[in-house]
Amino acid sequence: MPTINTFVAGDSVRFSVIFSLSGTETDPTTITFRRKDPNKVVRSYVYLTDVEIVRTSAGRYRIDLQLDLPGEWWSRWEGTGIAPGAQELRVRILRSQVIG
C-alpha cells in the first residue's frame, strides 16, 4: 500500500517521479499524470500537452497542484515506450481547523 502524505486543504502539493531504464534515468516516450479526488473524479495531465507537468532533468518530472477538497486523493504517474513504468501515491487532505 502506498505511503500516505498529509496536507491541509489549500496546500500546494508537489508530485514527482523518476523513470529509469537499466539504472539510467531515461525519458519515457509518453508521460501521463492522473489524480483522483475524494469524489472519485479523475483528471489527467499529459507531458507536452499540459503545462502543469515539468521536466526537471532526464527521467525526472514533477507537477504542483493545489488540493482544496478534504479527503483522500490518489495520484498515478505512467510512462510508456522507451522507459515504461508506473507509480501511485495516496495523499490525505485535512479540513482547515481555522477557516471553514
Protein backbone atom coordinates (compact mmCIF):
# COMPACT_ATOMS: atom_id res chain seq x y z
CA MET A 1 0.00 0.00 0.00
CA PRO A 2 1.42 3.42 -0.92
CA THR A 3 2.53 5.82 1.80
CA ILE A 4 0.02 8.47 2.89
CA ASN A 5 1.25 12.06 2.98
CA THR A 6 -0.94 14.56 4.84
CA PHE A 7 -1.57 18.21 3.93
CA VAL A 8 -4.09 20.92 4.83
CA ALA A 9 -6.81 21.98 2.39
CA GLY A 10 -5.44 24.66 0.06
CA ASP A 11 -1.83 23.43 0.21
CA SER A 12 0.18 23.19 -2.99
CA VAL A 13 1.29 19.58 -3.25
CA ARG A 14 4.27 18.52 -5.37
CA PHE A 15 4.10 15.10 -7.02
CA SER A 16 7.34 13.89 -8.58
CA VAL A 17 8.58 10.79 -10.33
CA ILE A 18 11.81 9.31 -11.70
CA PHE A 19 11.75 6.98 -14.72
CA SER A 20 14.79 4.84 -15.44
CA LEU A 21 15.99 2.16 -17.82
CA SER A 22 18.64 -0.26 -16.57
CA GLY A 23 19.51 2.13 -13.75
CA THR A 24 19.88 5.19 -16.01
CA GLU A 25 17.35 7.99 -15.67
CA THR A 26 15.53 7.99 -19.00
CA ASP A 27 12.62 9.91 -20.53
CA PRO A 28 9.66 7.71 -21.43
CA THR A 29 8.04 8.15 -24.84
CA THR A 30 4.84 9.44 -23.23
CA ILE A 31 4.13 10.60 -19.68
CA THR A 32 0.70 10.86 -18.09
CA PHE A 33 -0.18 12.02 -14.59
CA ARG A 34 -3.62 11.25 -13.20
CA ARG A 35 -5.17 12.42 -9.96
CA LYS A 36 -8.41 11.17 -8.39
CA ASP A 37 -10.14 13.43 -5.86
CA PRO A 38 -12.24 12.26 -2.88
CA ASN A 39 -15.37 12.37 -5.09
CA LYS A 40 -13.72 9.80 -7.42
CA VAL A 41 -13.30 12.36 -10.23
CA VAL A 42 -10.17 11.62 -12.28
CA ARG A 43 -8.24 14.34 -14.11
CA SER A 44 -5.38 13.52 -16.49
CA TYR A 45 -2.37 15.60 -17.48
CA VAL A 46 -0.08 14.70 -20.39
CA TYR A 47 3.50 15.94 -20.72
CA LEU A 48 3.98 18.37 -23.64
CA THR A 49 0.19 18.87 -23.82
CA ASP A 50 -0.46 20.20 -20.31
CA VAL A 51 1.94 22.84 -18.97
CA GLU A 52 1.45 21.66 -15.38
CA ILE A 53 3.92 18.78 -15.90
CA VAL A 54 7.52 19.98 -15.73
CA ARG A 55 10.61 18.02 -16.80
CA THR A 56 13.42 18.80 -14.33
CA SER A 57 16.09 16.56 -15.97
CA ALA A 58 16.33 13.29 -17.87
CA GLY A 59 13.69 10.92 -16.49
CA ARG A 60 12.56 13.35 -13.75
CA TYR A 61 9.19 15.07 -13.78
CA ARG A 62 7.00 16.98 -11.33
CA ILE A 63 3.60 18.56 -11.09
CA ASP A 64 2.38 21.02 -8.43
CA LEU A 65 -1.34 21.02 -7.68
CA GLN A 66 -3.38 22.96 -5.16
CA LEU A 67 -5.68 20.48 -3.42
CA ASP A 68 -8.57 22.03 -1.56
CA LEU A 69 -11.12 19.24 -1.17
CA PRO A 70 -10.66 17.38 2.16
CA GLY A 71 -10.32 13.60 1.97
CA GLU A 72 -8.11 11.04 0.24
CA TRP A 73 -6.61 11.83 -3.15
CA TRP A 74 -4.79 9.33 -5.36
CA SER A 75 -2.17 10.06 -7.98
CA ARG A 76 -0.61 7.92 -10.69
CA TRP A 77 2.37 8.57 -12.96
CA GLU A 78 2.56 6.45 -16.12
CA GLY A 79 5.43 6.24 -18.57
CA THR A 80 5.25 4.29 -21.83
CA GLY A 81 7.59 3.39 -24.65
CA ILE A 82 11.34 3.65 -24.01
CA ALA A 83 11.17 3.74 -20.18
CA PRO A 84 7.82 2.29 -19.12
CA GLY A 85 6.72 2.45 -15.52
CA ALA A 86 4.01 3.46 -13.08
CA GLN A 87 3.88 4.91 -9.59
CA GLU A 88 0.89 5.59 -7.34
CA LEU A 89 0.64 7.73 -4.22
CA ARG A 90 -2.15 8.43 -1.75
CA VAL A 91 -2.48 11.89 -0.19
CA ARG A 92 -4.79 12.90 2.65
CA ILE A 93 -6.09 16.47 2.69
CA LEU A 94 -7.33 17.69 6.05
CA ARG A 95 -10.05 20.28 6.56
CA SER A 96 -8.76 23.59 7.95
CA GLN A 97 -9.19 23.97 11.71
CA VAL A 98 -9.02 27.78 11.39
CA ILE A 99 -11.32 28.60 8.50
CA GLY A 100 -14.50 26.86 7.37
